[in-house]
Amino acid sequence: MAYVISSDCVACGQCEPECPVSAISKGDTTYVIDAEKCVDCGKCADVCPVSAISQQ
């Protein structure tokens, strides 16, 4: 199951460099995770300061 970023995202950018497969990118107002690339490692969720990232 891929991780997803909720609307609670504050677009701080801390998650993007943590992704080992570059599945995270800046969207219009928040960051987004490409479910096709996500390898379900959870590194992004570990660094999110507002707990906006969870498993789908």
Protein backbone atom coordinates (compact mmCIF):
# COMPACT_ATOMS: atom_id res chain seq x y z
CA MET A 1 0.00 0.00 0.00
CA ALA A 2 1.35 3.38 -0.98
CA TYR A 3 1.58 6.33 1.34
CA VAL A 4 -0.55 9.43 0.76
CA ILE A 5 -0.25 13.05 1.85
CA SER A 6 -3.38 14.61 3.32
CA SER A 7 -4.59 18.19 3.07
CA ASP A 8 -2.92 18.76 6.47
CA CYS A 9 0.36 19.12 4.54
CA VAL A 10 2.03 22.49 5.16
CA ALA A 11 4.35 22.12 2.14
CA CYS A 12 7.51 22.27 4.27
CA GLY A 13 9.35 19.93 1.89
CA GLN A 14 10.97 17.74 4.53
CA CYS A 15 9.54 14.55 3.02
CA GLU A 16 10.78 14.97 -0.55
CA PRO A 17 14.52 14.38 0.04
CA GLU A 18 13.77 11.38 2.27
CA CYS A 19 12.10 9.37 -0.50
CA PRO A 20 14.58 6.79 -1.88
CA VAL A 21 12.67 6.43 -5.17
CA SER A 22 11.78 10.09 -5.84
CA ALA A 23 8.03 9.42 -5.57
CA ILE A 24 7.31 12.75 -3.83
CA SER A 25 6.92 16.02 -5.70
CA LYS A 26 5.50 19.48 -5.11
CA GLY A 27 1.86 19.76 -6.12
CA ASP A 28 -0.28 22.88 -6.42
CA THR A 29 -0.63 23.51 -2.68
CA THR A 30 0.86 20.42 -1.03
CA TYR A 31 3.36 17.69 -1.79
CA VAL A 32 2.06 14.55 -3.50
CA ILE A 33 3.20 10.93 -3.65
CA ASP A 34 3.17 8.96 -6.90
CA ALA A 35 1.57 5.66 -5.82
CA GLU A 36 3.16 3.84 -8.76
CA LYS A 37 6.67 4.73 -7.53
CA CYS A 38 6.09 4.46 -3.76
CA VAL A 39 7.83 1.44 -2.21
CA ASP A 40 6.02 1.74 1.12
CA CYS A 41 9.15 2.43 3.19
CA GLY A 42 7.59 5.07 5.47
CA LYS A 43 10.61 7.36 5.56
CA CYS A 44 8.46 10.31 4.50
CA ALA A 45 5.94 9.73 7.28
CA ASP A 46 8.74 9.54 9.84
CA VAL A 47 9.92 13.08 9.08
CA CYS A 48 6.57 14.83 8.55
CA PRO A 49 6.23 17.46 11.31
CA VAL A 50 2.42 17.61 11.05
CA SER A 51 1.69 13.87 10.58
CA ALA A 52 0.09 14.52 7.18
CA ILE A 53 1.46 11.31 5.63
CA SER A 54 -0.14 7.91 6.15
CA GLN A 55 -0.67 4.60 4.42
CA GLN A 56 -3.54 4.51 1.95
